[in-house]
Amino acid sequence: MPFVDVLICGREDAAKLFGIGEPSAASGNDTPDPAAYAAAAEQLVAQFGFQSVAFTLRETISASDTVWSGLLHSGGKTYIARDYRIHLVDRVGGGDSFTAGLIYGMLQGYDPQHTLDFATAASCLKQTIEQDFNLSFVDEIEMVASGEATGRIRR
């Protein structure tokens, strides 16, 4: 994969496509283990030479509620976004929004932690919006990423 700089995948993708890591959590539940994701990212970088590897981390609380986070391994370091407990409106497009957020952050020259925080916040916001596209503005995503969101609409 000499032409791939950034890999964005899930735990099952890494296990089934690349033979790295386990396809499901060793504990039998779906609580993400950031250390296992970081180890998988390090292996992917070592084996394929990716500059960065990113994962979304999801723990299912119920059909309508989830805990969402993200992990980015870049420059030999692993970055983890904070956990968001979100009430789902529509999960479709959440991964796309995470990917778009990562690309946006990288193109803006954000540092890796800010890039990951932006991507994770964009993905969380998307999952509270119907349909498969994110209608959020950059300043709204930045507010959520910085922890300033209060649940109030700002215009």
Foldseek 3Di string as FASTA:
>chain_A
DVVAQEAEDEQLCLCPVVVQADNADPVPFQQDDVVSVVVSFVVCCVVPVHQKYKYKRWHDPDPFKIWIWMWMQHPNDIEIADIDIAGFPALAQLSVQLVVLLVVCVVVVHPPNLSRLLSRLSSRQQRNDPDRDGPDDSVVSVCVSVVNDDPDDDD
